[in-house]
PDB file of N, CA and C in Angstrom:
ATOM      1  N   MET A   1       5.347  -9.615  14.617  1.00  0.00           N
ATOM      2  CA  MET A   1       6.645  -9.118  14.196  1.00  0.00           C
ATOM      3  C   MET A   1       6.981  -9.492  12.748  1.00  0.00           C
ATOM      4  N   PRO A   2       6.615 -10.687  12.253  1.00  0.00           N
ATOM      5  CA  PRO A   2       6.943 -11.026  10.867  1.00  0.00           C
ATOM      6  C   PRO A   2       6.323 -10.058   9.861  1.00  0.00           C
ATOM      7  N   LEU A   3       5.136  -9.519  10.146  1.00  0.00           N
ATOM      8  CA  LEU A   3       4.505  -8.571   9.228  1.00  0.00           C
ATOM      9  C   LEU A   3       5.382  -7.333   9.088  1.00  0.00           C
ATOM     10  N   LYS A   4       5.874  -6.837  10.188  1.00  0.00           N
ATOM     11  CA  LYS A   4       6.765  -5.670  10.162  1.00  0.00           C
ATOM     12  C   LYS A   4       8.039  -5.995   9.392  1.00  0.00           C
ATOM     13  N   ASN A   5       8.527  -7.225   9.485  1.00  0.00           N
ATOM     14  CA  ASN A   5       9.718  -7.629   8.735  1.00  0.00           C
ATOM     15  C   ASN A   5       9.466  -7.569   7.234  1.00  0.00           C
ATOM     16  N   SER A   6       8.307  -8.024   6.797  1.00  0.00           N
ATOM     17  CA  SER A   6       7.970  -7.968   5.375  1.00  0.00           C
ATOM     18  C   SER A   6       7.886  -6.526   4.891  1.00  0.00           C
ATOM     19  N   LEU A   7       7.257  -5.667   5.683  1.00  0.00           N
ATOM     20  CA  LEU A   7       7.156  -4.257   5.311  1.00  0.00           C
ATOM     21  C   LEU A   7       8.533  -3.601   5.288  1.00  0.00           C
ATOM     22  N   ASN A   8       9.375  -3.948   6.259  1.00  0.00           N
ATOM     23  CA  ASN A   8      10.744  -3.427   6.282  1.00  0.00           C
ATOM     24  C   ASN A   8      11.530  -3.845   5.047  1.00  0.00           C
ATOM     25  N   SER A   9      11.363  -5.083   4.623  1.00  0.00           N
ATOM     26  CA  SER A   9      12.115  -5.555   3.457  1.00  0.00           C
ATOM     27  C   SER A   9      11.694  -4.809   2.193  1.00  0.00           C
ATOM     28  N   ILE A  10      10.426  -4.420   2.103  1.00  0.00           N
ATOM     29  CA  ILE A  10       9.978  -3.614   0.968  1.00  0.00           C
ATOM     30  C   ILE A  10      10.648  -2.248   1.019  1.00  0.00           C
ATOM     31  N   ILE A  11      10.586  -1.610   2.172  1.00  0.00           N
ATOM     32  CA  ILE A  11      11.165  -0.270   2.351  1.00  0.00           C
ATOM     33  C   ILE A  11      12.657  -0.276   2.018  1.00  0.00           C
ATOM     34  N   GLN A  12      13.363  -1.270   2.511  1.00  0.00           N
ATOM     35  CA  GLN A  12      14.812  -1.317   2.319  1.00  0.00           C
ATOM     36  C   GLN A  12      15.217  -1.637   0.889  1.00  0.00           C
ATOM     37  N   SER A  13      14.308  -2.250   0.124  1.00  0.00           N
ATOM     38  CA  SER A  13      14.620  -2.654  -1.249  1.00  0.00           C
ATOM     39  C   SER A  13      14.326  -1.584  -2.285  1.00  0.00           C
ATOM     40  N   VAL A  14      13.577  -0.568  -1.915  1.00  0.00           N
ATOM     41  CA  VAL A  14      13.084   0.391  -2.902  1.00  0.00           C
ATOM     42  C   VAL A  14      13.650   1.783  -2.632  1.00  0.00           C
ATOM     43  N   ASP A  15      14.415   2.289  -3.585  1.00  0.00           N
ATOM     44  CA  ASP A  15      14.925   3.654  -3.472  1.00  0.00           C
ATOM     45  C   ASP A  15      13.764   4.635  -3.464  1.00  0.00           C
ATOM     46  N   GLY A  16      13.768   5.541  -2.505  1.00  0.00           N
ATOM     47  CA  GLY A  16      12.724   6.552  -2.420  1.00  0.00           C
ATOM     48  C   GLY A  16      11.511   6.133  -1.619  1.00  0.00           C
ATOM     49  N   ALA A  17      11.524   4.924  -1.057  1.00  0.00           N
ATOM     50  CA  ALA A  17      10.385   4.477  -0.248  1.00  0.00           C
ATOM     51  C   ALA A  17      10.309   5.307   1.030  1.00  0.00           C
ATOM     52  N   LEU A  18       9.105   5.760   1.359  1.00  0.00           N
ATOM     53  CA  LEU A  18       8.886   6.551   2.562  1.00  0.00           C
ATOM     54  C   LEU A  18       8.140   5.776   3.633  1.00  0.00           C
ATOM     55  N   ALA A  19       7.199   4.916   3.205  1.00  0.00           N
ATOM     56  CA  ALA A  19       6.407   4.139   4.165  1.00  0.00           C
ATOM     57  C   ALA A  19       5.767   2.957   3.448  1.00  0.00           C
ATOM     58  N   ALA A  20       5.528   1.912   4.210  1.00  0.00           N
ATOM     59  CA  ALA A  20       4.770   0.754   3.740  1.00  0.00           C
ATOM     60  C   ALA A  20       3.804   0.398   4.849  1.00  0.00           C
ATOM     61  N   MET A  21       2.579   0.058   4.464  1.00  0.00           N
ATOM     62  CA  MET A  21       1.586  -0.261   5.489  1.00  0.00           C
ATOM     63  C   MET A  21       0.595  -1.282   4.978  1.00  0.00           C
ATOM     64  N   VAL A  22      -0.002  -1.971   5.927  1.00  0.00           N
ATOM     65  CA  VAL A  22      -1.133  -2.861   5.657  1.00  0.00           C
ATOM     66  C   VAL A  22      -2.321  -2.246   6.356  1.00  0.00           C
ATOM     67  N   MET A  23      -3.432  -2.122   5.613  1.00  0.00           N
ATOM     68  CA  MET A  23      -4.614  -1.460   6.154  1.00  0.00           C
ATOM     69  C   MET A  23      -5.862  -2.281   5.881  1.00  0.00           C
ATOM     70  N   ALA A  24      -6.837  -2.079   6.735  1.00  0.00           N
ATOM     71  CA  ALA A  24      -8.171  -2.636   6.513  1.00  0.00           C
ATOM     72  C   ALA A  24      -8.964  -1.603   5.710  1.00  0.00           C
ATOM     73  N   TYR A  25     -10.015  -2.043   5.075  1.00  0.00           N
ATOM     74  CA  TYR A  25     -10.821  -1.129   4.254  1.00  0.00           C
ATOM     75  C   TYR A  25     -11.536  -0.060   5.070  1.00  0.00           C
ATOM     76  N   ASP A  26     -11.594  -0.208   6.381  1.00  0.00           N
ATOM     77  CA  ASP A  26     -12.190   0.847   7.200  1.00  0.00           C
ATOM     78  C   ASP A  26     -11.177   1.938   7.538  1.00  0.00           C
ATOM     79  N   GLY A  27      -9.942   1.798   7.000  1.00  0.00           N
ATOM     80  CA  GLY A  27      -8.925   2.816   7.184  1.00  0.00           C
ATOM     81  C   GLY A  27      -8.045   2.609   8.392  1.00  0.00           C
ATOM     82  N   ILE A  28      -8.250   1.536   9.126  1.00  0.00           N
ATOM     83  CA  ILE A  28      -7.433   1.274  10.310  1.00  0.00           C
ATOM     84  C   ILE A  28      -6.143   0.575   9.877  1.00  0.00           C
ATOM     85  N   PRO A  29      -4.985   1.180  10.202  1.00  0.00           N
ATOM     86  CA  PRO A  29      -3.725   0.519   9.851  1.00  0.00           C
ATOM     87  C   PRO A  29      -3.505  -0.719  10.715  1.00  0.00           C
ATOM     88  N   ILE A  30      -3.137  -1.812  10.086  1.00  0.00           N
ATOM     89  CA  ILE A  30      -2.826  -3.052  10.797  1.00  0.00           C
ATOM     90  C   ILE A  30      -1.370  -3.004  11.253  1.00  0.00           C
ATOM     91  N   ASP A  31      -0.498  -2.550  10.368  1.00  0.00           N
ATOM     92  CA  ASP A  31       0.909  -2.364  10.704  1.00  0.00           C
ATOM     93  C   ASP A  31       1.507  -1.415   9.681  1.00  0.00           C
ATOM     94  N   GLU A  32       2.543  -0.697  10.089  1.00  0.00           N
ATOM     95  CA  GLU A  32       3.206   0.231   9.176  1.00  0.00           C
ATOM     96  C   GLU A  32       4.665   0.390   9.549  1.00  0.00           C
ATOM     97  N   VAL A  33       5.441   0.727   8.536  1.00  0.00           N
ATOM     98  CA  VAL A  33       6.852   1.018   8.716  1.00  0.00           C
ATOM     99  C   VAL A  33       7.121   2.302   7.954  1.00  0.00           C
ATOM    100  N   THR A  34       7.786   3.259   8.603  1.00  0.00           N
ATOM    101  CA  THR A  34       8.123   4.509   7.937  1.00  0.00           C
ATOM    102  C   THR A  34       9.631   4.711   7.976  1.00  0.00           C
ATOM    103  N   VAL A  35      10.107   5.469   7.014  1.00  0.00           N
ATOM    104  CA  VAL A  35      11.516   5.819   6.954  1.00  0.00           C
ATOM    105  C   VAL A  35      11.701   7.110   7.729  1.00  0.00           C
ATOM    106  N   ASP A  36      12.582   7.084   8.707  1.00  0.00           N
ATOM    107  CA  ASP A  36      12.841   8.258   9.547  1.00  0.00           C
ATOM    108  C   ASP A  36      11.524   8.859  10.026  1.00  0.00           C
ATOM    109  N   GLN A  37      11.443  10.145  10.033  1.00  0.00           N
ATOM    110  CA  GLN A  37      10.208  10.822  10.421  1.00  0.00           C
ATOM    111  C   GLN A  37       9.527  11.310   9.155  1.00  0.00           C
ATOM    112  N   SER A  38       8.510  10.632   8.736  1.00  0.00           N
ATOM    113  CA  SER A  38       7.779  11.041   7.547  1.00  0.00           C
ATOM    114  C   SER A  38       7.002  12.313   7.852  1.00  0.00           C
ATOM    115  N   GLU A  39       6.943  13.187   6.871  1.00  0.00           N
ATOM    116  CA  GLU A  39       6.214  14.441   7.053  1.00  0.00           C
ATOM    117  C   GLU A  39       4.710  14.263   6.837  1.00  0.00           C
ATOM    118  N   PHE A  40       4.295  13.055   6.473  1.00  0.00           N
ATOM    119  CA  PHE A  40       2.890  12.799   6.203  1.00  0.00           C
ATOM    120  C   PHE A  40       2.195  12.224   7.428  1.00  0.00           C
ATOM    121  N   ASP A  41       0.950  12.576   7.601  1.00  0.00           N
ATOM    122  CA  ASP A  41       0.122  12.024   8.668  1.00  0.00           C
ATOM    123  C   ASP A  41      -0.397  10.671   8.176  1.00  0.00           C
ATOM    124  N   MET A  42       0.237   9.602   8.606  1.00  0.00           N
ATOM    125  CA  MET A  42      -0.093   8.267   8.109  1.00  0.00           C
ATOM    126  C   MET A  42      -1.511   7.843   8.485  1.00  0.00           C
ATOM    127  N   GLN A  43      -2.002   8.263   9.641  1.00  0.00           N
ATOM    128  CA  GLN A  43      -3.372   7.925  10.034  1.00  0.00           C
ATOM    129  C   GLN A  43      -4.367   8.574   9.081  1.00  0.00           C
ATOM    130  N   LEU A  44      -4.178   9.846   8.775  1.00  0.00           N
ATOM    131  CA  LEU A  44      -5.059  10.546   7.849  1.00  0.00           C
ATOM    132  C   LEU A  44      -4.947   9.956   6.451  1.00  0.00           C
ATOM    133  N   LEU A  45      -3.721   9.675   6.030  1.00  0.00           N
ATOM    134  CA  LEU A  45      -3.519   9.087   4.709  1.00  0.00           C
ATOM    135  C   LEU A  45      -4.231   7.752   4.595  1.00  0.00           C
ATOM    136  N   SER A  46      -4.132   6.919   5.621  1.00  0.00           N
ATOM    137  CA  SER A  46      -4.756   5.597   5.556  1.00  0.00           C
ATOM    138  C   SER A  46      -6.273   5.687   5.487  1.00  0.00           C
ATOM    139  N   VAL A  47      -6.859   6.591   6.242  1.00  0.00           N
ATOM    140  CA  VAL A  47      -8.324   6.745   6.216  1.00  0.00           C
ATOM    141  C   VAL A  47      -8.785   7.255   4.859  1.00  0.00           C
ATOM    142  N   GLU A  48      -8.120   8.280   4.340  1.00  0.00           N
ATOM    143  CA  GLU A  48      -8.528   8.868   3.064  1.00  0.00           C
ATOM    144  C   GLU A  48      -8.327   7.908   1.897  1.00  0.00           C
ATOM    145  N   TYR A  49      -7.189   7.215   1.870  1.00  0.00           N
ATOM    146  CA  TYR A  49      -6.947   6.285   0.770  1.00  0.00           C
ATOM    147  C   TYR A  49      -7.850   5.063   0.852  1.00  0.00           C
ATOM    148  N   ALA A  50      -8.213   4.643   2.041  1.00  0.00           N
ATOM    149  CA  ALA A  50      -9.163   3.529   2.171  1.00  0.00           C
ATOM    150  C   ALA A  50     -10.505   3.918   1.577  1.00  0.00           C
ATOM    151  N   ALA A  51     -10.951   5.147   1.830  1.00  0.00           N
ATOM    152  CA  ALA A  51     -12.225   5.616   1.276  1.00  0.00           C
ATOM    153  C   ALA A  51     -12.161   5.666  -0.249  1.00  0.00           C
ATOM    154  N   ILE A  52     -11.068   6.176  -0.786  1.00  0.00           N
ATOM    155  CA  ILE A  52     -10.903   6.234  -2.243  1.00  0.00           C
ATOM    156  C   ILE A  52     -10.876   4.835  -2.829  1.00  0.00           C
ATOM    157  N   LEU A  53     -10.154   3.946  -2.177  1.00  0.00           N
ATOM    158  CA  LEU A  53     -10.029   2.577  -2.682  1.00  0.00           C
ATOM    159  C   LEU A  53     -11.375   1.857  -2.697  1.00  0.00           C
ATOM    160  N   LYS A  54     -12.194   2.094  -1.686  1.00  0.00           N
ATOM    161  CA  LYS A  54     -13.537   1.478  -1.670  1.00  0.00           C
ATOM    162  C   LYS A  54     -14.349   1.941  -2.870  1.00  0.00           C
ATOM    163  N   GLU A  55     -14.257   3.214  -3.212  1.00  0.00           N
ATOM    164  CA  GLU A  55     -14.995   3.744  -4.370  1.00  0.00           C
ATOM    165  C   GLU A  55     -14.470   3.167  -5.681  1.00  0.00           C
ATOM    166  N   ILE A  56     -13.165   3.057  -5.809  1.00  0.00           N
ATOM    167  CA  ILE A  56     -12.580   2.472  -7.017  1.00  0.00           C
ATOM    168  C   ILE A  56     -12.995   1.016  -7.141  1.00  0.00           C
ATOM    169  N   LYS A  57     -12.946   0.297  -6.031  1.00  0.00           N
ATOM    170  CA  LYS A  57     -13.343  -1.115  -6.034  1.00  0.00           C
ATOM    171  C   LYS A  57     -14.810  -1.269  -6.436  1.00  0.00           C
ATOM    172  N   ARG A  58     -15.663  -0.388  -5.918  1.00  0.00           N
ATOM    173  CA  ARG A  58     -17.080  -0.416  -6.271  1.00  0.00           C
ATOM    174  C   ARG A  58     -17.269  -0.150  -7.760  1.00  0.00           C
ATOM    175  N   ALA A  59     -16.547   0.820  -8.307  1.00  0.00           N
ATOM    176  CA  ALA A  59     -16.654   1.145  -9.733  1.00  0.00           C
ATOM    177  C   ALA A  59     -16.213  -0.020 -10.607  1.00  0.00           C
ATOM    178  N   VAL A  60     -15.136  -0.688 -10.221  1.00  0.00           N
ATOM    179  CA  VAL A  60     -14.659  -1.847 -10.971  1.00  0.00           C
ATOM    180  C   VAL A  60     -15.701  -2.964 -10.935  1.00  0.00           C
ATOM    181  N   ASP A  61     -16.341  -3.158  -9.792  1.00  0.00           N
ATOM    182  CA  ASP A  61     -17.389  -4.171  -9.669  1.00  0.00           C
ATOM    183  C   ASP A  61     -18.583  -3.845 -10.557  1.00  0.00           C
ATOM    184  N   VAL A  62     -18.952  -2.566 -10.614  1.00  0.00           N
ATOM    185  CA  VAL A  62     -20.118  -2.154 -11.411  1.00  0.00           C
ATOM    186  C   VAL A  62     -19.886  -2.420 -12.899  1.00  0.00           C
ATOM    187  N   VAL A  63     -18.701  -2.117 -13.382  1.00  0.00           N
ATOM    188  CA  VAL A  63     -18.428  -2.307 -14.810  1.00  0.00           C
ATOM    189  C   VAL A  63     -17.971  -3.725 -15.145  1.00  0.00           C
ATOM    190  N   LYS A  64     -17.877  -4.568 -14.131  1.00  0.00           N
ATOM    191  CA  LYS A  64     -17.559  -5.992 -14.297  1.00  0.00           C
ATOM    192  C   LYS A  64     -16.306  -6.220 -15.162  1.00  0.00           C
ATOM    193  N   MET A  65     -15.204  -5.584 -14.735  1.00  0.00           N
ATOM    194  CA  MET A  65     -13.944  -5.717 -15.464  1.00  0.00           C
ATOM    195  C   MET A  65     -12.981  -6.678 -14.782  1.00  0.00           C
ATOM    196  N   GLY A  66     -13.439  -7.409 -13.810  1.00  0.00           N
ATOM    197  CA  GLY A  66     -12.570  -8.322 -13.069  1.00  0.00           C
ATOM    198  C   GLY A  66     -12.305  -7.780 -11.680  1.00  0.00           C
ATOM    199  N   ASP A  67     -11.450  -8.476 -10.963  1.00  0.00           N
ATOM    200  CA  ASP A  67     -11.116  -8.071  -9.597  1.00  0.00           C
ATOM    201  C   ASP A  67     -10.018  -7.011  -9.602  1.00  0.00           C
ATOM    202  N   LEU A  68     -10.155  -6.031  -8.743  1.00  0.00           N
ATOM    203  CA  LEU A  68      -9.148  -4.993  -8.587  1.00  0.00           C
ATOM    204  C   LEU A  68      -7.894  -5.595  -7.965  1.00  0.00           C
ATOM    205  N   GLU A  69      -6.727  -5.317  -8.554  1.00  0.00           N
ATOM    206  CA  GLU A  69      -5.463  -5.832  -8.037  1.00  0.00           C
ATOM    207  C   GLU A  69      -4.549  -4.739  -7.527  1.00  0.00           C
ATOM    208  N   GLU A  70      -4.484  -3.602  -8.240  1.00  0.00           N
ATOM    209  CA  GLU A  70      -3.518  -2.578  -7.892  1.00  0.00           C
ATOM    210  C   GLU A  70      -3.996  -1.212  -8.347  1.00  0.00           C
ATOM    211  N   VAL A  71      -3.648  -0.191  -7.569  1.00  0.00           N
ATOM    212  CA  VAL A  71      -3.960   1.189  -7.901  1.00  0.00           C
ATOM    213  C   VAL A  71      -2.719   2.019  -7.602  1.00  0.00           C
ATOM    214  N   SER A  72      -2.384   2.924  -8.498  1.00  0.00           N
ATOM    215  CA  SER A  72      -1.290   3.866  -8.264  1.00  0.00           C
ATOM    216  C   SER A  72      -1.844   5.278  -8.303  1.00  0.00           C
ATOM    217  N   ILE A  73      -1.407   6.083  -7.348  1.00  0.00           N
ATOM    218  CA  ILE A  73      -1.822   7.473  -7.276  1.00  0.00           C
ATOM    219  C   ILE A  73      -0.558   8.317  -7.213  1.00  0.00           C
ATOM    220  N   ALA A  74      -0.375   9.162  -8.227  1.00  0.00           N
ATOM    221  CA  ALA A  74       0.817  10.004  -8.282  1.00  0.00           C
ATOM    222  C   ALA A  74       0.437  11.456  -8.036  1.00  0.00           C
ATOM    223  N   THR A  75       1.214  12.112  -7.202  1.00  0.00           N
ATOM    224  CA  THR A  75       1.056  13.540  -6.970  1.00  0.00           C
ATOM    225  C   THR A  75       2.392  14.205  -7.315  1.00  0.00           C
ATOM    226  N   THR A  76       2.469  15.496  -7.137  1.00  0.00           N
ATOM    227  CA  THR A  76       3.719  16.187  -7.455  1.00  0.00           C
ATOM    228  C   THR A  76       4.842  15.802  -6.500  1.00  0.00           C
ATOM    229  N   ARG A  77       4.503  15.273  -5.329  1.00  0.00           N
ATOM    230  CA  ARG A  77       5.517  14.928  -4.327  1.00  0.00           C
ATOM    231  C   ARG A  77       5.681  13.436  -4.074  1.00  0.00           C
ATOM    232  N   THR A  78       4.639  12.657  -4.293  1.00  0.00           N
ATOM    233  CA  THR A  78       4.705  11.235  -3.956  1.00  0.00           C
ATOM    234  C   THR A  78       4.013  10.365  -5.002  1.00  0.00           C
ATOM    235  N   CYS A  79       4.278   9.096  -4.875  1.00  0.00           N
ATOM    236  CA  CYS A  79       3.529   8.075  -5.607  1.00  0.00           C
ATOM    237  C   CYS A  79       3.129   7.034  -4.583  1.00  0.00           C
ATOM    238  N   VAL A  80       1.855   6.686  -4.580  1.00  0.00           N
ATOM    239  CA  VAL A  80       1.352   5.666  -3.663  1.00  0.00           C
ATOM    240  C   VAL A  80       0.875   4.495  -4.513  1.00  0.00           C
ATOM    241  N   VAL A  81       1.407   3.324  -4.231  1.00  0.00           N
ATOM    242  CA  VAL A  81       0.978   2.104  -4.907  1.00  0.00           C
ATOM    243  C   VAL A  81       0.222   1.279  -3.880  1.00  0.00           C
ATOM    244  N   VAL A  82      -0.997   0.893  -4.245  1.00  0.00           N
ATOM    245  CA  VAL A  82      -1.853   0.101  -3.363  1.00  0.00           C
ATOM    246  C   VAL A  82      -2.051  -1.265  -4.007  1.00  0.00           C
ATOM    247  N   ARG A  83      -1.811  -2.297  -3.244  1.00  0.00           N
ATOM    248  CA  ARG A  83      -1.994  -3.679  -3.716  1.00  0.00           C
ATOM    249  C   ARG A  83      -3.094  -4.326  -2.884  1.00  0.00           C
ATOM    250  N   ILE A  84      -4.116  -4.839  -3.532  1.00  0.00           N
ATOM    251  CA  ILE A  84      -5.210  -5.522  -2.848  1.00  0.00           C
ATOM    252  C   ILE A  84      -4.702  -6.876  -2.363  1.00  0.00           C
ATOM    253  N   LEU A  85      -4.915  -7.159  -1.087  1.00  0.00           N
ATOM    254  CA  LEU A  85      -4.488  -8.438  -0.521  1.00  0.00           C
ATOM    255  C   LEU A  85      -5.639  -9.441  -0.508  1.00  0.00           C
ATOM    256  N   ASN A  86      -6.789  -9.005  -0.042  1.00  0.00           N
ATOM    257  CA  ASN A  86      -7.999  -9.822  -0.040  1.00  0.00           C
ATOM    258  C   ASN A  86      -9.190  -8.894   0.172  1.00  0.00           C
ATOM    259  N   GLU A  87     -10.352  -9.439   0.489  1.00  0.00           N
ATOM    260  CA  GLU A  87     -11.549  -8.600   0.636  1.00  0.00           C
ATOM    261  C   GLU A  87     -11.509  -7.721   1.894  1.00  0.00           C
ATOM    262  N   ASP A  88     -10.572  -7.977   2.794  1.00  0.00           N
ATOM    263  CA  ASP A  88     -10.490  -7.216   4.037  1.00  0.00           C
ATOM    264  C   ASP A  88      -9.308  -6.255   4.124  1.00  0.00           C
ATOM    265  N   PHE A  89      -8.213  -6.567   3.435  1.00  0.00           N
ATOM    266  CA  PHE A  89      -6.970  -5.820   3.623  1.00  0.00           C
ATOM    267  C   PHE A  89      -6.319  -5.426   2.308  1.00  0.00           C
ATOM    268  N   PHE A  90      -5.524  -4.357   2.377  1.00  0.00           N
ATOM    269  CA  PHE A  90      -4.672  -3.977   1.260  1.00  0.00           C
ATOM    270  C   PHE A  90      -3.354  -3.439   1.813  1.00  0.00           C
ATOM    271  N   ALA A  91      -2.338  -3.442   0.959  1.00  0.00           N
ATOM    272  CA  ALA A  91      -1.027  -2.915   1.331  1.00  0.00           C
ATOM    273  C   ALA A  91      -0.756  -1.677   0.499  1.00  0.00           C
ATOM    274  N   ALA A  92      -0.056  -0.730   1.088  1.00  0.00           N
ATOM    275  CA  ALA A  92       0.275   0.499   0.376  1.00  0.00           C
ATOM    276  C   ALA A  92       1.752   0.812   0.574  1.00  0.00           C
ATOM    277  N   LEU A  93       2.363   1.289  -0.489  1.00  0.00           N
ATOM    278  CA  LEU A  93       3.748   1.739  -0.453  1.00  0.00           C
ATOM    279  C   LEU A  93       3.765   3.192  -0.885  1.00  0.00           C
ATOM    280  N   ILE A  94       4.278   4.052  -0.033  1.00  0.00           N
ATOM    281  CA  ILE A  94       4.377   5.475  -0.330  1.00  0.00           C
ATOM    282  C   ILE A  94       5.826   5.764  -0.677  1.00  0.00           C
ATOM    283  N   MET A  95       6.027   6.387  -1.856  1.00  0.00           N
ATOM    284  CA  MET A  95       7.374   6.682  -2.341  1.00  0.00           C
ATOM    285  C   MET A  95       7.475   8.140  -2.742  1.00  0.00           C
ATOM    286  N   SER A  96       8.693   8.660  -2.704  1.00  0.00           N
ATOM    287  CA  SER A  96       8.921   9.994  -3.251  1.00  0.00           C
ATOM    288  C   SER A  96       8.817   9.891  -4.770  1.00  0.00           C
ATOM    289  N   ARG A  97       8.541  11.009  -5.428  1.00  0.00           N
ATOM    290  CA  ARG A  97       8.395  10.994  -6.884  1.00  0.00           C
ATOM    291  C   ARG A  97       9.679  10.559  -7.582  1.00  0.00           C
ATOM    292  N   GLY A  98      10.820  10.792  -6.964  1.00  0.00           N
ATOM    293  CA  GLY A  98      12.087  10.377  -7.563  1.00  0.00           C
ATOM    294  C   GLY A  98      12.438   8.935  -7.272  1.00  0.00           C
ATOM    295  N   GLY A  99      11.578   8.242  -6.541  1.00  0.00           N
ATOM    296  CA  GLY A  99      11.844   6.857  -6.168  1.00  0.00           C
ATOM    297  C   GLY A  99      11.665   5.900  -7.330  1.00  0.00           C
ATOM    298  N   ASN A 100      12.080   4.674  -7.119  1.00  0.00           N
ATOM    299  CA  ASN A 100      11.988   3.632  -8.133  1.00  0.00           C
ATOM    300  C   ASN A 100      10.590   3.005  -8.071  1.00  0.00           C
ATOM    301  N   ILE A 101       9.668   3.609  -8.783  1.00  0.00           N
ATOM    302  CA  ILE A 101       8.261   3.201  -8.720  1.00  0.00           C
ATOM    303  C   ILE A 101       8.063   1.791  -9.270  1.00  0.00           C
ATOM    304  N   ALA A 102       8.764   1.451 -10.352  1.00  0.00           N
ATOM    305  CA  ALA A 102       8.624   0.110 -10.930  1.00  0.00           C
ATOM    306  C   ALA A 102       9.064  -0.960  -9.936  1.00  0.00           C
ATOM    307  N   LYS A 103      10.176  -0.723  -9.256  1.00  0.00           N
ATOM    308  CA  LYS A 103      10.635  -1.703  -8.270  1.00  0.00           C
ATOM    309  C   LYS A 103       9.696  -1.734  -7.072  1.00  0.00           C
ATOM    310  N   GLY A 104       9.147  -0.578  -6.709  1.00  0.00           N
ATOM    311  CA  GLY A 104       8.176  -0.540  -5.618  1.00  0.00           C
ATOM    312  C   GLY A 104       6.956  -1.389  -5.921  1.00  0.00           C
ATOM    313  N   ARG A 105       6.440  -1.269  -7.142  1.00  0.00           N
ATOM    314  CA  ARG A 105       5.286  -2.090  -7.552  1.00  0.00           C
ATOM    315  C   ARG A 105       5.638  -3.573  -7.497  1.00  0.00           C
ATOM    316  N   TYR A 106       6.820  -3.905  -8.011  1.00  0.00           N
ATOM    317  CA  TYR A 106       7.264  -5.296  -8.026  1.00  0.00           C
ATOM    318  C   TYR A 106       7.401  -5.855  -6.608  1.00  0.00           C
ATOM    319  N   MET A 107       8.077  -5.115  -5.729  1.00  0.00           N
ATOM    320  CA  MET A 107       8.290  -5.596  -4.360  1.00  0.00           C
ATOM    321  C   MET A 107       6.981  -5.721  -3.594  1.00  0.00           C
ATOM    322  N   LEU A 108       6.067  -4.784  -3.816  1.00  0.00           N
ATOM    323  CA  LEU A 108       4.769  -4.863  -3.149  1.00  0.00           C
ATOM    324  C   LEU A 108       4.012  -6.110  -3.599  1.00  0.00           C
ATOM    325  N   LYS A 109       4.061  -6.393  -4.893  1.00  0.00           N
ATOM    326  CA  LYS A 109       3.401  -7.598  -5.408  1.00  0.00           C
ATOM    327  C   LYS A 109       4.085  -8.854  -4.872  1.00  0.00           C
ATOM    328  N   LEU A 110       5.396  -8.875  -4.911  1.00  0.00           N
ATOM    329  CA  LEU A 110       6.159 -10.038  -4.449  1.00  0.00           C
ATOM    330  C   LEU A 110       5.902 -10.325  -2.973  1.00  0.00           C
ATOM    331  N   LYS A 111       5.959  -9.302  -2.147  1.00  0.00           N
ATOM    332  CA  LYS A 111       5.796  -9.475  -0.705  1.00  0.00           C
ATOM    333  C   LYS A 111       4.337  -9.626  -0.279  1.00  0.00           C
ATOM    334  N   SER A 112       3.398  -9.357  -1.166  1.00  0.00           N
ATOM    335  CA  SER A 112       1.987  -9.479  -0.784  1.00  0.00           C
ATOM    336  C   SER A 112       1.635 -10.913  -0.389  1.00  0.00           C
ATOM    337  N   PHE A 113       2.301 -11.884  -0.974  1.00  0.00           N
ATOM    338  CA  PHE A 113       2.052 -13.282  -0.608  1.00  0.00           C
ATOM    339  C   PHE A 113       2.493 -13.552   0.831  1.00  0.00           C
ATOM    340  N   ASP A 114       3.649 -13.017   1.206  1.00  0.00           N
ATOM    341  CA  ASP A 114       4.144 -13.174   2.575  1.00  0.00           C
ATOM    342  C   ASP A 114       3.217 -12.450   3.555  1.00  0.00           C
ATOM    343  N   VAL A 115       2.817 -11.242   3.197  1.00  0.00           N
ATOM    344  CA  VAL A 115       1.943 -10.464   4.071  1.00  0.00           C
ATOM    345  C   VAL A 115       0.618 -11.183   4.287  1.00  0.00           C
ATOM    346  N   LEU A 116       0.042 -11.716   3.225  1.00  0.00           N
ATOM    347  CA  LEU A 116      -1.219 -12.465   3.348  1.00  0.00           C
ATOM    348  C   LEU A 116      -1.065 -13.656   4.290  1.00  0.00           C
ATOM    349  N   ARG A 117       0.035 -14.357   4.133  1.00  0.00           N
ATOM    350  CA  ARG A 117       0.281 -15.530   4.999  1.00  0.00           C
ATOM    351  C   ARG A 117       0.402 -15.090   6.463  1.00  0.00           C
ATOM    352  N   GLU A 118       1.037 -13.950   6.696  1.00  0.00           N
ATOM    353  CA  GLU A 118       1.217 -13.463   8.054  1.00  0.00           C
ATOM    354  C   GLU A 118      -0.078 -12.937   8.666  1.00  0.00           C
ATOM    355  N   LEU A 119      -1.017 -12.515   7.827  1.00  0.00           N
ATOM    356  CA  LEU A 119      -2.307 -12.042   8.324  1.00  0.00           C
ATOM    357  C   LEU A 119      -3.228 -13.184   8.709  1.00  0.00           C
ATOM    358  N   SER A 120      -2.949 -14.379   8.195  1.00  0.00           N
ATOM    359  CA  SER A 120      -3.817 -15.545   8.472  1.00  0.00           C
ATOM    360  C   SER A 120      -3.593 -16.121   9.836  1.00  0.00           C
TER     361      SER A 120
END
């Protein structure tokens, strides 16, 4: 339950937040919180973004630029911010394009410490 509380606090703090989730790199959601009824298929989104994130992580490793910390993906309708938690898990915040993306990034980073502690 504490993990869901952390995800809820992110959602409630960020204007335009649609969903927050913690996922494993195999695309399996560990926990998620959505606002009302999201029009997005969260299971499909988690699998597809996990695959993309693995490729980005591999590319960063190949060019030896340090450890991957965060990725943002913007589309015409949404912005997804992904924060790496550890070698097994990452957190994602899905926001509408009109949402407060800067605050979303900040809250995801801030709460990532709590989420990591709750995963242990």
